[in-house]
Amino acid sequence: MDNKAFALLAAGFAIGIGALGPGIGIGYLVGKSVEGIARQPEASGDIRTTMFIGIGVTEAVALYALVIAILLIFVA
């Protein structure tokens, strides 16, 4: 295998593993937020705002993995 093949394989692993964590994290985050809103409906605005901030921070990890994968594909 040459260097390009290893770079493509590494890009696949980067985006695959890099999307696995945020997928699990966002599922857990939304589930707990819905549970919190069900327990305290009057706090739904605060819980929803915090949930969206958490989703944004968690999704940033997947975007970093995507950038690394693109760099591996086109630069290496």
Protein backbone atom coordinates (compact mmCIF):
# COMPACT_ATOMS: atom_id res chain seq x y z
CA MET A 1 0.00 0.00 0.00
CA ASP A 2 1.20 3.46 -0.74
CA ASN A 3 0.86 6.62 1.34
CA LYS A 4 -2.34 7.73 -0.40
CA ALA A 5 -4.08 4.48 0.50
CA PHE A 6 -3.07 4.86 4.14
CA ALA A 7 -4.30 8.48 4.11
CA LEU A 8 -7.69 7.41 2.74
CA LEU A 9 -7.96 4.65 5.33
CA ALA A 10 -7.06 7.09 8.10
CA ALA A 11 -9.66 9.57 6.77
CA GLY A 12 -12.32 6.88 6.95
CA PHE A 13 -11.39 6.02 10.51
CA ALA A 14 -11.25 9.71 11.48
CA ILE A 15 -14.77 10.49 10.33
CA GLY A 16 -16.18 7.13 11.44
CA ILE A 17 -14.88 7.26 14.99
CA GLY A 18 -15.21 11.05 15.09
CA ALA A 19 -18.95 10.82 14.39
CA LEU A 20 -19.58 7.92 16.77
CA GLY A 21 -18.94 9.88 19.96
CA PRO A 22 -21.06 12.91 19.10
CA GLY A 23 -23.89 10.65 17.94
CA ILE A 24 -24.00 8.89 21.28
CA GLY A 25 -23.51 12.16 23.15
CA ILE A 26 -26.30 14.01 21.38
CA GLY A 27 -28.69 11.10 21.90
CA TYR A 28 -27.92 11.04 25.61
CA LEU A 29 -28.16 14.83 25.86
CA VAL A 30 -31.55 15.09 24.15
CA GLY A 31 -32.93 12.14 26.11
CA LYS A 32 -31.97 13.67 29.43
CA SER A 33 -33.30 17.08 28.35
CA VAL A 34 -36.69 15.59 27.46
CA GLU A 35 -36.69 13.80 30.80
CA GLY A 36 -35.92 17.06 32.59
CA ILE A 37 -38.67 18.92 30.71
CA ALA A 38 -41.13 16.16 31.60
CA ARG A 39 -40.25 16.51 35.27
CA GLN A 40 -40.27 20.32 35.34
CA PRO A 41 -42.28 21.79 32.46
CA GLU A 42 -41.90 25.31 33.83
CA ALA A 43 -38.12 25.12 33.28
CA SER A 44 -38.42 23.99 29.65
CA GLY A 45 -36.99 27.23 28.22
CA ASP A 46 -33.80 27.02 30.27
CA ILE A 47 -33.40 23.30 29.66
CA ARG A 48 -33.93 23.73 25.91
CA THR A 49 -31.40 26.57 25.71
CA THR A 50 -28.80 24.54 27.57
CA MET A 51 -29.56 21.53 25.36
CA PHE A 52 -28.93 23.49 22.17
CA ILE A 53 -25.64 24.86 23.51
CA GLY A 54 -24.59 21.32 24.42
CA ILE A 55 -25.58 20.02 20.99
CA GLY A 56 -23.47 22.72 19.35
CA VAL A 57 -20.42 21.92 21.45
CA THR A 58 -20.83 18.19 20.88
CA GLU A 59 -21.32 18.60 17.13
CA ALA A 60 -18.07 20.57 16.95
CA VAL A 61 -16.17 17.33 17.60
CA ALA A 62 -17.72 15.75 14.50
CA LEU A 63 -16.87 18.83 12.45
CA TYR A 64 -13.24 18.67 13.61
CA ALA A 65 -13.14 15.01 12.53
CA LEU A 66 -14.59 15.98 9.14
CA VAL A 67 -11.94 18.68 8.66
CA ILE A 68 -9.18 16.21 9.54
CA ALA A 69 -10.64 13.65 7.11
CA ILE A 70 -10.79 16.22 4.30
CA LEU A 71 -7.21 17.25 5.00
CA LEU A 72 -6.08 13.63 4.90
CA ILE A 73 -7.87 13.04 1.59
CA PHE A 74 -6.70 16.10 -0.30
CA VAL A 75 -3.36 17.07 1.28
CA ALA A 76 -1.71 13.76 2.01
